[in-house]
Amino acid sequence: MKPGRKPIGLLLVQTAKSVARSFEDTLNEKGGSRPVWLILLALMDGEHRTQADLAAAIGVQGPTLTHHLTSMERDGLLTRTRQPENRRVQVVELTAKGRALFLRLRQAVMSFDTQLNGKFSDAEMDQLRDLLGRLGASDTVGFGPGV
């Protein structure tokens, strides 16, 4: 590493935090949050109907998801119904209010993405996606302490 240059890992962490904060602010301005957006997105694709499916799709533990779903249900964004054949399984469905929030947040997400893309040329964005994809799939991810 050249003197005076930040390690790439540190630069990635700092950049990710900065972009994540801006993304969260964008969602908050439209009445959402990142967890709410991820849940709405998973439900809108139609494949994730049970709480267990949703938890796996968005990468959270069951109790964390339950907390978010309870809040969203209270806000009228979704409903949860226990399946008669297996009372432990709850089917989650969006309400009209939940679909409306999804549309509002989707527009905000698209605008946010346009702003990010505007900082680079199309070729640079393609290269960035490729580089980040390669980095994320490499063995460097998951190194333990001291590396």
N, C-alpha and C. Protein backbone atom coordinates (compact mmCIF):
# COMPACT_ATOMS: atom_id res chain seq x y z
N MET A 1 0.86 -1.17 0.00
CA MET A 1 0.00 0.00 0.00
C MET A 1 0.91 1.24 0.00
N LYS A 2 0.52 2.20 -0.79
CA LYS A 2 1.28 3.43 -0.88
C LYS A 2 1.05 4.27 0.38
N PRO A 3 2.12 4.94 0.83
CA PRO A 3 1.97 5.80 2.01
C PRO A 3 0.88 6.86 1.79
N GLY A 4 0.11 7.11 2.82
CA GLY A 4 -0.93 8.13 2.76
C GLY A 4 -2.24 7.66 2.16
N ARG A 5 -2.30 6.43 1.66
CA ARG A 5 -3.55 5.92 1.08
C ARG A 5 -4.26 5.06 2.10
N LYS A 6 -5.56 5.23 2.19
CA LYS A 6 -6.36 4.42 3.11
C LYS A 6 -6.42 2.97 2.62
N PRO A 7 -6.41 2.03 3.55
CA PRO A 7 -6.63 0.64 3.15
C PRO A 7 -8.02 0.51 2.51
N ILE A 8 -8.13 -0.32 1.49
CA ILE A 8 -9.38 -0.45 0.75
C ILE A 8 -10.52 -0.92 1.65
N GLY A 9 -10.22 -1.79 2.61
CA GLY A 9 -11.26 -2.25 3.53
C GLY A 9 -11.86 -1.11 4.32
N LEU A 10 -11.00 -0.23 4.82
CA LEU A 10 -11.47 0.93 5.58
C LEU A 10 -12.28 1.86 4.69
N LEU A 11 -11.79 2.10 3.49
CA LEU A 11 -12.50 2.96 2.54
C LEU A 11 -13.89 2.39 2.20
N LEU A 12 -13.95 1.08 2.02
CA LEU A 12 -15.24 0.44 1.74
C LEU A 12 -16.22 0.59 2.90
N VAL A 13 -15.72 0.37 4.11
CA VAL A 13 -16.58 0.49 5.30
C VAL A 13 -17.08 1.92 5.45
N GLN A 14 -16.20 2.89 5.30
CA GLN A 14 -16.61 4.28 5.43
C GLN A 14 -17.60 4.68 4.34
N THR A 15 -17.37 4.25 3.13
CA THR A 15 -18.27 4.56 2.02
C THR A 15 -19.62 3.89 2.23
N ALA A 16 -19.60 2.64 2.63
CA ALA A 16 -20.85 1.92 2.87
C ALA A 16 -21.68 2.60 3.95
N LYS A 17 -21.05 3.04 5.02
CA LYS A 17 -21.77 3.73 6.10
C LYS A 17 -22.37 5.04 5.61
N SER A 18 -21.61 5.78 4.84
CA SER A 18 -22.09 7.06 4.33
C SER A 18 -23.28 6.87 3.39
N VAL A 19 -23.16 5.93 2.47
CA VAL A 19 -24.25 5.68 1.52
C VAL A 19 -25.46 5.12 2.27
N ALA A 20 -25.24 4.24 3.22
CA ALA A 20 -26.35 3.66 3.99
C ALA A 20 -27.09 4.74 4.77
N ARG A 21 -26.37 5.68 5.36
CA ARG A 21 -27.02 6.78 6.09
C ARG A 21 -27.87 7.62 5.15
N SER A 22 -27.33 7.93 3.99
CA SER A 22 -28.09 8.72 3.01
C SER A 22 -29.31 7.97 2.52
N PHE A 23 -29.16 6.67 2.30
CA PHE A 23 -30.26 5.84 1.84
C PHE A 23 -31.36 5.79 2.91
N GLU A 24 -30.95 5.60 4.15
CA GLU A 24 -31.91 5.56 5.26
C GLU A 24 -32.64 6.89 5.39
N ASP A 25 -31.91 8.00 5.26
CA ASP A 25 -32.54 9.32 5.31
C ASP A 25 -33.58 9.48 4.21
N THR A 26 -33.24 9.01 3.02
CA THR A 26 -34.17 9.08 1.88
C THR A 26 -35.44 8.30 2.19
N LEU A 27 -35.30 7.10 2.72
CA LEU A 27 -36.48 6.29 3.06
C LEU A 27 -37.28 6.93 4.19
N ASN A 28 -36.59 7.47 5.19
CA ASN A 28 -37.28 8.12 6.32
C ASN A 28 -38.13 9.30 5.86
N GLU A 29 -37.60 10.06 4.89
CA GLU A 29 -38.35 11.22 4.37
C GLU A 29 -39.67 10.81 3.74
N LYS A 30 -39.76 9.57 3.27
CA LYS A 30 -40.98 9.08 2.61
C LYS A 30 -41.80 8.18 3.53
N GLY A 31 -41.44 8.14 4.81
CA GLY A 31 -42.22 7.38 5.77
C GLY A 31 -41.81 5.93 5.92
N GLY A 32 -40.60 5.61 5.54
CA GLY A 32 -40.13 4.22 5.64
C GLY A 32 -38.80 4.11 6.34
N SER A 33 -38.22 2.93 6.23
CA SER A 33 -36.90 2.63 6.77
C SER A 33 -36.34 1.49 5.93
N ARG A 34 -35.07 1.20 6.12
CA ARG A 34 -34.47 0.11 5.35
C ARG A 34 -35.14 -1.24 5.64
N PRO A 35 -35.38 -1.60 6.91
CA PRO A 35 -36.06 -2.87 7.16
C PRO A 35 -37.47 -2.92 6.54
N VAL A 36 -38.21 -1.83 6.65
CA VAL A 36 -39.55 -1.78 6.06
C VAL A 36 -39.45 -1.94 4.55
N TRP A 37 -38.51 -1.25 3.91
CA TRP A 37 -38.32 -1.35 2.48
C TRP A 37 -38.01 -2.80 2.07
N LEU A 38 -37.10 -3.44 2.79
CA LEU A 38 -36.73 -4.82 2.45
C LEU A 38 -37.92 -5.77 2.59
N ILE A 39 -38.72 -5.57 3.62
CA ILE A 39 -39.91 -6.42 3.82
C ILE A 39 -40.92 -6.17 2.71
N LEU A 40 -41.19 -4.90 2.41
CA LEU A 40 -42.14 -4.59 1.34
C LEU A 40 -41.66 -5.16 0.01
N LEU A 41 -40.39 -5.02 -0.27
CA LEU A 41 -39.82 -5.51 -1.52
C LEU A 41 -39.98 -7.03 -1.62
N ALA A 42 -39.68 -7.73 -0.54
CA ALA A 42 -39.81 -9.19 -0.53
C ALA A 42 -41.27 -9.62 -0.71
N LEU A 43 -42.18 -8.91 -0.08
CA LEU A 43 -43.60 -9.26 -0.22
C LEU A 43 -44.13 -8.94 -1.61
N MET A 44 -43.65 -7.87 -2.21
CA MET A 44 -44.12 -7.48 -3.53
C MET A 44 -43.67 -8.46 -4.61
N ASP A 45 -42.57 -9.16 -4.40
CA ASP A 45 -42.14 -10.10 -5.43
C ASP A 45 -42.99 -11.36 -5.43
N GLY A 46 -43.80 -11.53 -4.38
CA GLY A 46 -44.79 -12.60 -4.34
C GLY A 46 -44.29 -13.97 -3.94
N GLU A 47 -42.99 -14.12 -3.75
CA GLU A 47 -42.46 -15.44 -3.41
C GLU A 47 -42.36 -15.68 -1.91
N HIS A 48 -42.31 -14.64 -1.14
CA HIS A 48 -42.07 -14.78 0.30
C HIS A 48 -43.36 -14.45 1.05
N ARG A 49 -44.05 -15.47 1.46
CA ARG A 49 -45.34 -15.26 2.11
C ARG A 49 -45.34 -15.60 3.60
N THR A 50 -44.45 -16.48 4.02
CA THR A 50 -44.43 -16.82 5.44
C THR A 50 -43.33 -16.03 6.14
N GLN A 51 -43.46 -15.92 7.46
CA GLN A 51 -42.44 -15.19 8.21
C GLN A 51 -41.07 -15.81 8.03
N ALA A 52 -41.00 -17.13 8.00
CA ALA A 52 -39.72 -17.81 7.83
C ALA A 52 -39.12 -17.48 6.47
N ASP A 53 -39.93 -17.47 5.42
CA ASP A 53 -39.45 -17.11 4.08
C ASP A 53 -38.93 -15.67 4.06
N LEU A 54 -39.69 -14.78 4.68
CA LEU A 54 -39.29 -13.37 4.72
C LEU A 54 -37.96 -13.19 5.46
N ALA A 55 -37.83 -13.86 6.59
CA ALA A 55 -36.60 -13.73 7.38
C ALA A 55 -35.40 -14.17 6.55
N ALA A 56 -35.53 -15.28 5.85
CA ALA A 56 -34.44 -15.77 5.01
C ALA A 56 -34.17 -14.81 3.85
N ALA A 57 -35.22 -14.28 3.26
CA ALA A 57 -35.07 -13.40 2.09
C ALA A 57 -34.35 -12.11 2.42
N ILE A 58 -34.61 -11.57 3.61
CA ILE A 58 -33.99 -10.28 3.93
C ILE A 58 -32.80 -10.43 4.88
N GLY A 59 -32.51 -11.65 5.29
CA GLY A 59 -31.30 -11.90 6.06
C GLY A 59 -31.35 -11.45 7.50
N VAL A 60 -32.50 -11.64 8.15
CA VAL A 60 -32.61 -11.31 9.57
C VAL A 60 -33.09 -12.52 10.35
N GLN A 61 -32.90 -12.48 11.65
CA GLN A 61 -33.38 -13.53 12.52
C GLN A 61 -34.89 -13.37 12.75
N GLY A 62 -35.56 -14.45 13.06
CA GLY A 62 -37.00 -14.44 13.30
C GLY A 62 -37.48 -13.38 14.26
N PRO A 63 -36.86 -13.26 15.45
CA PRO A 63 -37.34 -12.27 16.42
C PRO A 63 -37.22 -10.83 15.90
N THR A 64 -36.17 -10.54 15.16
CA THR A 64 -36.01 -9.19 14.59
C THR A 64 -37.10 -8.92 13.58
N LEU A 65 -37.38 -9.91 12.74
CA LEU A 65 -38.44 -9.76 11.75
C LEU A 65 -39.79 -9.59 12.44
N THR A 66 -40.05 -10.38 13.47
CA THR A 66 -41.32 -10.29 14.19
C THR A 66 -41.55 -8.89 14.72
N HIS A 67 -40.50 -8.28 15.25
CA HIS A 67 -40.59 -6.90 15.76
C HIS A 67 -41.04 -5.96 14.64
N HIS A 68 -40.41 -6.06 13.48
CA HIS A 68 -40.76 -5.18 12.35
C HIS A 68 -42.17 -5.47 11.84
N LEU A 69 -42.52 -6.74 11.73
CA LEU A 69 -43.85 -7.09 11.23
C LEU A 69 -44.95 -6.62 12.18
N THR A 70 -44.70 -6.72 13.47
CA THR A 70 -45.69 -6.25 14.45
C THR A 70 -45.94 -4.76 14.27
N SER A 71 -44.87 -4.00 14.11
CA SER A 71 -45.00 -2.56 13.90
C SER A 71 -45.71 -2.26 12.59
N MET A 72 -45.35 -2.97 11.54
CA MET A 72 -45.98 -2.74 10.24
C MET A 72 -47.45 -3.14 10.24
N GLU A 73 -47.77 -4.20 10.96
CA GLU A 73 -49.17 -4.63 11.07
C GLU A 73 -49.98 -3.58 11.85
N ARG A 74 -49.40 -3.07 12.91
CA ARG A 74 -50.05 -2.03 13.71
C ARG A 74 -50.31 -0.78 12.86
N ASP A 75 -49.38 -0.49 11.93
CA ASP A 75 -49.53 0.67 11.05
C ASP A 75 -50.44 0.41 9.86
N GLY A 76 -50.99 -0.80 9.78
CA GLY A 76 -51.92 -1.13 8.70
C GLY A 76 -51.27 -1.44 7.37
N LEU A 77 -49.97 -1.76 7.39
CA LEU A 77 -49.25 -2.02 6.14
C LEU A 77 -49.34 -3.47 5.68
N LEU A 78 -49.62 -4.37 6.61
CA LEU A 78 -49.70 -5.79 6.27
C LEU A 78 -50.60 -6.51 7.25
N THR A 79 -50.94 -7.74 6.88
CA THR A 79 -51.70 -8.61 7.78
C THR A 79 -50.92 -9.91 7.93
N ARG A 80 -51.12 -10.56 9.07
CA ARG A 80 -50.54 -11.89 9.31
C ARG A 80 -51.68 -12.82 9.68
N THR A 81 -51.69 -13.97 9.04
CA THR A 81 -52.74 -14.96 9.27
C THR A 81 -52.09 -16.32 9.51
N ARG A 82 -52.51 -16.98 10.58
CA ARG A 82 -51.98 -18.32 10.85
C ARG A 82 -52.65 -19.31 9.90
N GLN A 83 -51.85 -20.25 9.40
CA GLN A 83 -52.39 -21.28 8.52
C GLN A 83 -53.13 -22.32 9.36
N PRO A 84 -54.34 -22.70 8.95
CA PRO A 84 -55.12 -23.65 9.75
C PRO A 84 -54.43 -25.01 9.90
N GLU A 85 -53.72 -25.45 8.85
CA GLU A 85 -53.08 -26.76 8.90
C GLU A 85 -51.80 -26.78 9.74
N ASN A 86 -51.24 -25.61 9.99
CA ASN A 86 -50.04 -25.51 10.83
C ASN A 86 -50.06 -24.14 11.49
N ARG A 87 -50.57 -24.08 12.71
CA ARG A 87 -50.77 -22.81 13.42
C ARG A 87 -49.46 -22.06 13.70
N ARG A 88 -48.32 -22.76 13.58
CA ARG A 88 -47.04 -22.10 13.82
C ARG A 88 -46.61 -21.24 12.62
N VAL A 89 -47.21 -21.46 11.47
CA VAL A 89 -46.84 -20.74 10.25
C VAL A 89 -47.80 -19.58 10.04
N GLN A 90 -47.22 -18.39 9.88
CA GLN A 90 -48.03 -17.21 9.61
C GLN A 90 -47.78 -16.74 8.18
N VAL A 91 -48.87 -16.51 7.46
CA VAL A 91 -48.79 -15.98 6.10
C VAL A 91 -48.89 -14.46 6.22
N VAL A 92 -47.98 -13.76 5.54
CA VAL A 92 -47.91 -12.31 5.60
C VAL A 92 -48.34 -11.76 4.25
N GLU A 93 -49.26 -10.78 4.28
CA GLU A 93 -49.74 -10.16 3.05
C GLU A 93 -49.81 -8.65 3.21
N LEU A 94 -49.51 -7.97 2.13
CA LEU A 94 -49.60 -6.50 2.14
C LEU A 94 -51.04 -6.04 2.04
N THR A 95 -51.31 -4.93 2.68
CA THR A 95 -52.60 -4.26 2.53
C THR A 95 -52.45 -3.21 1.42
N ALA A 96 -53.55 -2.57 1.08
CA ALA A 96 -53.49 -1.49 0.10
C ALA A 96 -52.56 -0.38 0.59
N LYS A 97 -52.61 -0.10 1.88
CA LYS A 97 -51.72 0.92 2.45
C LYS A 97 -50.26 0.51 2.33
N GLY A 98 -49.98 -0.77 2.52
CA GLY A 98 -48.61 -1.28 2.37
C GLY A 98 -48.13 -1.19 0.94
N ARG A 99 -49.00 -1.50 -0.01
CA ARG A 99 -48.62 -1.39 -1.43
C ARG A 99 -48.38 0.08 -1.80
N ALA A 100 -49.19 0.98 -1.25
CA ALA A 100 -48.99 2.41 -1.53
C ALA A 100 -47.65 2.89 -0.98
N LEU A 101 -47.29 2.43 0.23
CA LEU A 101 -46.00 2.80 0.79
C LEU A 101 -44.87 2.23 -0.06
N PHE A 102 -45.04 0.99 -0.53
CA PHE A 102 -44.03 0.41 -1.40
C PHE A 102 -43.80 1.29 -2.62
N LEU A 103 -44.87 1.73 -3.26
CA LEU A 103 -44.74 2.56 -4.47
C LEU A 103 -44.04 3.88 -4.16
N ARG A 104 -44.36 4.47 -3.02
CA ARG A 104 -43.74 5.73 -2.62
C ARG A 104 -42.24 5.53 -2.35
N LEU A 105 -41.92 4.45 -1.64
CA LEU A 105 -40.52 4.17 -1.33
C LEU A 105 -39.75 3.75 -2.58
N ARG A 106 -40.41 3.01 -3.47
CA ARG A 106 -39.73 2.60 -4.70
C ARG A 106 -39.31 3.82 -5.50
N GLN A 107 -40.17 4.81 -5.57
CA GLN A 107 -39.81 6.04 -6.29
C GLN A 107 -38.61 6.72 -5.64
N ALA A 108 -38.61 6.76 -4.31
CA ALA A 108 -37.48 7.36 -3.59
C ALA A 108 -36.20 6.56 -3.83
N VAL A 109 -36.29 5.23 -3.83
CA VAL A 109 -35.13 4.37 -4.06
C VAL A 109 -34.60 4.58 -5.48
N MET A 110 -35.49 4.68 -6.44
CA MET A 110 -35.07 4.90 -7.83
C MET A 110 -34.38 6.26 -7.97
N SER A 111 -34.91 7.27 -7.32
CA SER A 111 -34.28 8.60 -7.37
C SER A 111 -32.92 8.58 -6.71
N PHE A 112 -32.82 7.89 -5.58
CA PHE A 112 -31.55 7.76 -4.88
C PHE A 112 -30.52 7.07 -5.77
N ASP A 113 -30.95 6.00 -6.42
CA ASP A 113 -30.05 5.25 -7.30
C ASP A 113 -29.60 6.12 -8.48
N THR A 114 -30.52 6.92 -9.01
CA THR A 114 -30.17 7.83 -10.11
C THR A 114 -29.11 8.82 -9.67
N GLN A 115 -29.25 9.34 -8.45
CA GLN A 115 -28.24 10.27 -7.92
C GLN A 115 -26.88 9.60 -7.79
N LEU A 116 -26.87 8.36 -7.28
CA LEU A 116 -25.60 7.64 -7.16
C LEU A 116 -24.99 7.40 -8.53
N ASN A 117 -25.81 6.95 -9.47
CA ASN A 117 -25.32 6.66 -10.82
C ASN A 117 -24.82 7.91 -11.52
N GLY A 118 -25.38 9.06 -11.17
CA GLY A 118 -25.00 10.31 -11.81
C GLY A 118 -23.58 10.75 -11.49
N LYS A 119 -22.98 10.13 -10.51
CA LYS A 119 -21.61 10.49 -10.14
C LYS A 119 -20.58 9.82 -11.05
N PHE A 120 -21.03 8.87 -11.87
CA PHE A 120 -20.12 8.08 -12.71
C PHE A 120 -20.72 7.90 -14.10
N SER A 121 -19.87 7.59 -15.05
CA SER A 121 -20.34 7.24 -16.39
C SER A 121 -20.95 5.84 -16.35
N ASP A 122 -21.67 5.47 -17.41
CA ASP A 122 -22.25 4.13 -17.49
C ASP A 122 -21.15 3.07 -17.42
N ALA A 123 -20.05 3.31 -18.13
CA ALA A 123 -18.94 2.35 -18.12
C ALA A 123 -18.35 2.21 -16.71
N GLU A 124 -18.22 3.34 -16.01
CA GLU A 124 -17.69 3.29 -14.64
C GLU A 124 -18.64 2.54 -13.72
N MET A 125 -19.96 2.76 -13.89
CA MET A 125 -20.93 2.04 -13.06
C MET A 125 -20.87 0.54 -13.32
N ASP A 126 -20.73 0.15 -14.59
CA ASP A 126 -20.59 -1.27 -14.92
C ASP A 126 -19.33 -1.85 -14.27
N GLN A 127 -18.25 -1.08 -14.33
CA GLN A 127 -17.00 -1.53 -13.73
C GLN A 127 -17.13 -1.62 -12.21
N LEU A 128 -17.78 -0.63 -11.60
CA LEU A 128 -17.98 -0.65 -10.15
C LEU A 128 -18.80 -1.86 -9.73
N ARG A 129 -19.89 -2.13 -10.44
CA ARG A 129 -20.70 -3.31 -10.13
C ARG A 129 -19.88 -4.59 -10.24
N ASP A 130 -19.08 -4.68 -11.30
CA ASP A 130 -18.25 -5.86 -11.50
C ASP A 130 -17.23 -6.01 -10.37
N LEU A 131 -16.55 -4.91 -10.05
CA LEU A 131 -15.54 -4.97 -8.99
C LEU A 131 -16.15 -5.31 -7.64
N LEU A 132 -17.26 -4.68 -7.30
CA LEU A 132 -17.91 -4.97 -6.02
C LEU A 132 -18.43 -6.40 -5.98
N GLY A 133 -18.97 -6.87 -7.11
CA GLY A 133 -19.44 -8.25 -7.19
C GLY A 133 -18.30 -9.24 -6.99
N ARG A 134 -17.17 -8.97 -7.63
CA ARG A 134 -15.99 -9.84 -7.47
C ARG A 134 -15.47 -9.79 -6.05
N LEU A 135 -15.43 -8.61 -5.46
CA LEU A 135 -14.95 -8.48 -4.10
C LEU A 135 -15.86 -9.22 -3.13
N GLY A 136 -17.16 -9.06 -3.32
CA GLY A 136 -18.12 -9.72 -2.44
C GLY A 136 -18.10 -11.24 -2.55
N ALA A 137 -17.72 -11.74 -3.72
CA ALA A 137 -17.69 -13.19 -3.93
C ALA A 137 -16.33 -13.80 -3.62
N SER A 138 -15.34 -12.96 -3.31
CA SER A 138 -13.99 -13.46 -3.10
C SER A 138 -13.79 -14.04 -1.72
N ASP A 139 -12.67 -14.68 -1.55
CA ASP A 139 -12.32 -15.24 -0.26
C ASP A 139 -11.91 -14.19 0.76
N THR A 140 -11.74 -12.94 0.31
CA THR A 140 -11.35 -11.89 1.25
C THR A 140 -12.46 -11.56 2.21
N VAL A 141 -13.70 -11.78 1.79
CA VAL A 141 -14.83 -11.52 2.69
C VAL A 141 -14.88 -12.65 3.70
N GLY A 142 -14.96 -12.29 4.95
CA GLY A 142 -15.03 -13.31 6.00
C GLY A 142 -13.70 -13.55 6.69
N PHE A 143 -12.65 -12.77 6.34
CA PHE A 143 -11.39 -12.93 7.07
C PHE A 143 -11.64 -12.63 8.53
N GLY A 144 -10.96 -13.30 9.36
CA GLY A 144 -11.12 -13.10 10.79
C GLY A 144 -10.26 -11.95 11.30
N PRO A 145 -10.21 -11.78 12.62
CA PRO A 145 -9.43 -10.71 13.24
C PRO A 145 -7.95 -10.82 12.86
N GLY A 146 -7.32 -9.69 12.74
CA GLY A 146 -5.89 -9.68 12.51
C GLY A 146 -5.48 -9.70 11.06
N VAL A 147 -6.44 -9.73 10.17
CA VAL A 147 -6.09 -9.78 8.75
C VAL A 147 -6.25 -8.42 8.14
